[in-house]
C-alpha atoms as a PDB file:
ATOM      1  CA  MET A   1      94.203  96.041  99.941  1.00  0.00           C
ATOM      2  CA  SER A   2      95.857  96.787 103.222  1.00  0.00           C
ATOM      3  CA  ASN A   3      98.823  94.448 103.021  1.00  0.00           C
ATOM      4  CA  LYS A   4     101.933  94.427 100.908  1.00  0.00           C
ATOM      5  CA  GLU A   5     101.116  91.110  99.218  1.00  0.00           C
ATOM      6  CA  THR A   6      97.972  92.517  97.580  1.00  0.00           C
ATOM      7  CA  CYS A   7      99.134  96.116  97.112  1.00  0.00           C
ATOM      8  CA  PRO A   8      98.687  97.220  93.478  1.00  0.00           C
ATOM      9  CA  PHE A   9     101.584  99.681  93.738  1.00  0.00           C
ATOM     10  CA  CYS A  10     104.024  97.058  95.051  1.00  0.00           C
ATOM     11  CA  TYR A  11     103.342  94.825  92.042  1.00  0.00           C
ATOM     12  CA  PRO A  12     102.314  97.093  89.143  1.00  0.00           C
ATOM     13  CA  LYS A  13     103.286  94.501  86.533  1.00  0.00           C
ATOM     14  CA  LYS A  14     100.570  92.121  87.800  1.00  0.00           C
ATOM     15  CA  ASP A  15      97.835  94.439  86.483  1.00  0.00           C
ATOM     16  CA  PRO A  16      97.735  94.456  82.669  1.00  0.00           C
ATOM     17  CA  GLU A  17      95.929  97.830  82.778  1.00  0.00           C
ATOM     18  CA  GLN A  18      98.757  99.448  84.768  1.00  0.00           C
ATOM     19  CA  GLN A  19     101.453 101.129  82.707  1.00  0.00           C
ATOM     20  CA  ILE A  20     104.904 101.837  84.068  1.00  0.00           C
ATOM     21  CA  VAL A  21     105.589 104.998  82.093  1.00  0.00           C
ATOM     22  CA  PHE A  22     108.889 105.822  83.815  1.00  0.00           C
ATOM     23  CA  GLU A  23     110.899 104.433  86.664  1.00  0.00           C
ATOM     24  CA  SER A  24     113.927 105.332  88.674  1.00  0.00           C
ATOM     25  CA  GLU A  25     115.867 103.203  91.110  1.00  0.00           C
ATOM     26  CA  THR A  26     113.313 103.762  93.883  1.00  0.00           C
ATOM     27  CA  CYS A  27     110.081 105.008  92.257  1.00  0.00           C
ATOM     28  CA  TYR A  28     107.617 104.538  89.392  1.00  0.00           C
ATOM     29  CA  PHE A  29     105.432 106.938  87.419  1.00  0.00           C
ATOM     30  CA  LEU A  30     102.302 104.914  86.666  1.00  0.00           C
ATOM     31  CA  GLN A  31      99.227 105.463  84.542  1.00  0.00           C
ATOM     32  CA  HIS A  32      96.260 103.102  84.755  1.00  0.00           C
ATOM     33  CA  ASN A  33      94.173 102.576  81.622  1.00  0.00           C
ATOM     34  CA  ASN A  34      90.905 102.400  83.598  1.00  0.00           C
ATOM     35  CA  GLU A  35      91.604 105.721  85.329  1.00  0.00           C
ATOM     36  CA  GLN A  36      91.936 107.657  82.073  1.00  0.00           C
ATOM     37  CA  ASP A  37      88.182 107.884  81.396  1.00  0.00           C
ATOM     38  CA  VAL A  38      87.741 111.173  83.300  1.00  0.00           C
ATOM     39  CA  LEU A  39      91.235 112.167  84.411  1.00  0.00           C
ATOM     40  CA  VAL A  40      92.858 111.998  80.975  1.00  0.00           C
ATOM     41  CA  GLY A  41      96.631 111.855  81.272  1.00  0.00           C
ATOM     42  CA  ALA A  42      96.645 111.485  85.069  1.00  0.00           C
ATOM     43  CA  GLY A  43      99.124 109.282  86.863  1.00  0.00           C
ATOM     44  CA  VAL A  44     100.802 108.626  90.183  1.00  0.00           C
ATOM     45  CA  ILE A  45     104.369 108.563  91.396  1.00  0.00           C
ATOM     46  CA  VAL A  46     104.907 105.739  93.893  1.00  0.00           C
ATOM     47  CA  PRO A  47     107.899 104.383  95.764  1.00  0.00           C
ATOM     48  CA  LYS A  48     108.807 100.836  94.758  1.00  0.00           C
ATOM     49  CA  LYS A  49     109.105  99.852  98.418  1.00  0.00           C
ATOM     50  CA  HIS A  50     105.871  99.650 100.362  1.00  0.00           C
ATOM     51  CA  ARG A  51     105.548 102.956 102.203  1.00  0.00           C
ATOM     52  CA  MET A  52     102.188 103.364 103.898  1.00  0.00           C
ATOM     53  CA  ASN A  53     102.228 107.121 103.486  1.00  0.00           C
ATOM     54  CA  THR A  54     104.288 110.063 102.354  1.00  0.00           C
ATOM     55  CA  PHE A  55     105.856 110.642 105.768  1.00  0.00           C
ATOM     56  CA  GLU A  56     107.691 107.317 105.418  1.00  0.00           C
ATOM     57  CA  LEU A  57     109.556 108.257 102.211  1.00  0.00           C
ATOM     58  CA  THR A  58     113.343 108.295 102.311  1.00  0.00           C
ATOM     59  CA  LYS A  59     115.338 111.314 101.130  1.00  0.00           C
ATOM     60  CA  GLU A  60     116.251 109.358  98.008  1.00  0.00           C
ATOM     61  CA  GLU A  61     112.576 108.591  97.284  1.00  0.00           C
ATOM     62  CA  TRP A  62     111.726 112.292  97.752  1.00  0.00           C
ATOM     63  CA  ALA A  63     114.485 113.298  95.336  1.00  0.00           C
ATOM     64  CA  GLU A  64     113.445 110.718  92.758  1.00  0.00           C
ATOM     65  CA  THR A  65     109.789 111.741  93.125  1.00  0.00           C
ATOM     66  CA  TYR A  66     110.900 115.283  92.238  1.00  0.00           C
ATOM     67  CA  ASP A  67     112.817 114.035  89.192  1.00  0.00           C
ATOM     68  CA  LEU A  68     109.931 111.838  88.009  1.00  0.00           C
ATOM     69  CA  LEU A  69     107.462 114.687  88.503  1.00  0.00           C
ATOM     70  CA  HIS A  70     109.361 116.843  86.033  1.00  0.00           C
ATOM     71  CA  LYS A  71     109.742 113.955  83.606  1.00  0.00           C
ATOM     72  CA  ALA A  72     106.011 113.173  83.912  1.00  0.00           C
ATOM     73  CA  LYS A  73     105.105 116.836  83.325  1.00  0.00           C
ATOM     74  CA  GLU A  74     107.116 116.913  80.110  1.00  0.00           C
ATOM     75  CA  TYR A  75     105.543 113.631  78.984  1.00  0.00           C
ATOM     76  CA  ILE A  76     101.978 114.759  79.783  1.00  0.00           C
ATOM     77  CA  ASN A  77     102.552 118.175  78.209  1.00  0.00           C
ATOM     78  CA  ASP A  78     103.675 116.498  74.975  1.00  0.00           C
ATOM     79  CA  LYS A  79     100.746 114.036  74.936  1.00  0.00           C
ATOM     80  CA  GLN A  80      97.865 116.108  76.352  1.00  0.00           C
ATOM     81  CA  SER A  81      98.796 119.833  76.374  1.00  0.00           C
ATOM     82  CA  PRO A  82      97.045 120.580  79.680  1.00  0.00           C
ATOM     83  CA  ASP A  83      96.361 124.116  80.883  1.00  0.00           C
ATOM     84  CA  GLY A  84      97.445 123.352  84.462  1.00  0.00           C
ATOM     85  CA  TYR A  85      97.934 120.629  87.047  1.00  0.00           C
ATOM     86  CA  THR A  86      96.546 119.487  90.360  1.00  0.00           C
ATOM     87  CA  LEU A  87      99.207 117.707  92.399  1.00  0.00           C
ATOM     88  CA  GLY A  88      98.890 116.012  95.730  1.00  0.00           C
ATOM     89  CA  TRP A  89      99.164 113.273  98.294  1.00  0.00           C
ATOM     90  CA  ASN A  90      96.384 111.939 100.472  1.00  0.00           C
ATOM     91  CA  VAL A  91      97.515 110.553 103.826  1.00  0.00           C
ATOM     92  CA  GLY A  92      95.084 108.502 105.879  1.00  0.00           C
ATOM     93  CA  GLU A  93      91.398 107.700 105.516  1.00  0.00           C
ATOM     94  CA  PRO A  94      90.101 111.218 106.387  1.00  0.00           C
ATOM     95  CA  SER A  95      91.988 112.553 103.360  1.00  0.00           C
ATOM     96  CA  ASN A  96      90.631 109.747 101.134  1.00  0.00           C
ATOM     97  CA  GLN A  97      93.794 107.642 100.875  1.00  0.00           C
ATOM     98  CA  THR A  98      92.171 104.467  99.561  1.00  0.00           C
ATOM     99  CA  ILE A  99      95.359 102.523  98.766  1.00  0.00           C
ATOM    100  CA  PRO A 100      97.671 102.382 101.788  1.00  0.00           C
ATOM    101  CA  HIS A 101     100.840 102.881  99.726  1.00  0.00           C
ATOM    102  CA  SER A 102     102.152 106.413  99.287  1.00  0.00           C
ATOM    103  CA  HIS A 103     101.178 107.798  95.883  1.00  0.00           C
ATOM    104  CA  PHE A 104     101.612 111.303  94.525  1.00  0.00           C
ATOM    105  CA  HIS A 105      98.804 112.283  92.146  1.00  0.00           C
ATOM    106  CA  VAL A 106      99.802 114.095  88.957  1.00  0.00           C
ATOM    107  CA  ILE A 107      96.548 115.300  87.421  1.00  0.00           C
ATOM    108  CA  PRO A 108      96.542 117.437  84.277  1.00  0.00           C
ATOM    109  CA  ARG A 109      93.784 120.060  84.221  1.00  0.00           C
ATOM    110  CA  TYR A 110      92.054 121.734  81.281  1.00  0.00           C
ATOM    111  CA  ASN A 111      90.281 125.074  80.865  1.00  0.00           C
ATOM    112  CA  ASP A 112      87.258 123.358  79.284  1.00  0.00           C
ATOM    113  CA  GLU A 113      86.598 120.986  82.235  1.00  0.00           C
ATOM    114  CA  PRO A 114      83.252 121.470  84.000  1.00  0.00           C
ATOM    115  CA  LEU A 115      85.213 121.792  87.279  1.00  0.00           C
ATOM    116  CA  ALA A 116      88.044 123.958  85.931  1.00  0.00           C
ATOM    117  CA  GLY A 117      89.256 126.321  88.620  1.00  0.00           C
ATOM    118  CA  LYS A 118      88.292 123.934  91.419  1.00  0.00           C
ATOM    119  CA  GLY A 119      91.504 122.693  92.995  1.00  0.00           C
ATOM    120  CA  LEU A 120      92.322 120.772  96.145  1.00  0.00           C
ATOM    121  CA  ARG A 121      91.490 123.543  98.573  1.00  0.00           C
ATOM    122  CA  HIS A 122      88.148 124.410  96.961  1.00  0.00           C
ATOM    123  CA  TRP A 123      86.494 121.283  98.335  1.00  0.00           C
ATOM    124  CA  LEU A 124      88.101 121.557 101.747  1.00  0.00           C
ATOM    125  CA  LYS A 125      87.114 125.192 102.225  1.00  0.00           C
ATOM    126  CA  GLN A 126      83.380 124.593 101.841  1.00  0.00           C
ATOM    127  CA  PRO A 127      81.394 125.714 104.928  1.00  0.00           C
ATOM    128  CA  GLU A 128      79.952 122.239 105.400  1.00  0.00           C
ATOM    129  CA  ASN A 129      83.507 120.938 105.944  1.00  0.00           C
ATOM    130  CA  LYS A 130      84.079 123.090 109.045  1.00  0.00           C
ATOM    131  CA  ARG A 131      84.618 121.087 112.211  1.00  0.00           C
ATOM    132  CA  LYS A 132      82.126 121.669 115.020  1.00  0.00           C
END
């Protein structure tokens, strides 16, 4: 999925499991039905234009990402009542960016999760992750 023609975030309406929950002029907030099995309520904010990574976003896309984030939080709070959130972008293969289209993860977190309290930095700070 490395080109624009096959990018799932460029054409979210082609996937019947992909829901466009909200959209602005330049961005979508998406939730995918098949991704809700473990990460209940999770979604991504993506620019409508194909941007390989976050560093390519325009100022307008940044501003609309901010607006959609707050709209998504209100929506998820109403539907799921999470206890917290993990938010983040992955940029490049070493950070596990598997779809080469910028996407901002909005992941609700719950006190009763087996991995509650383990955020983004927890995994990165493990001794086995230290460079030699």
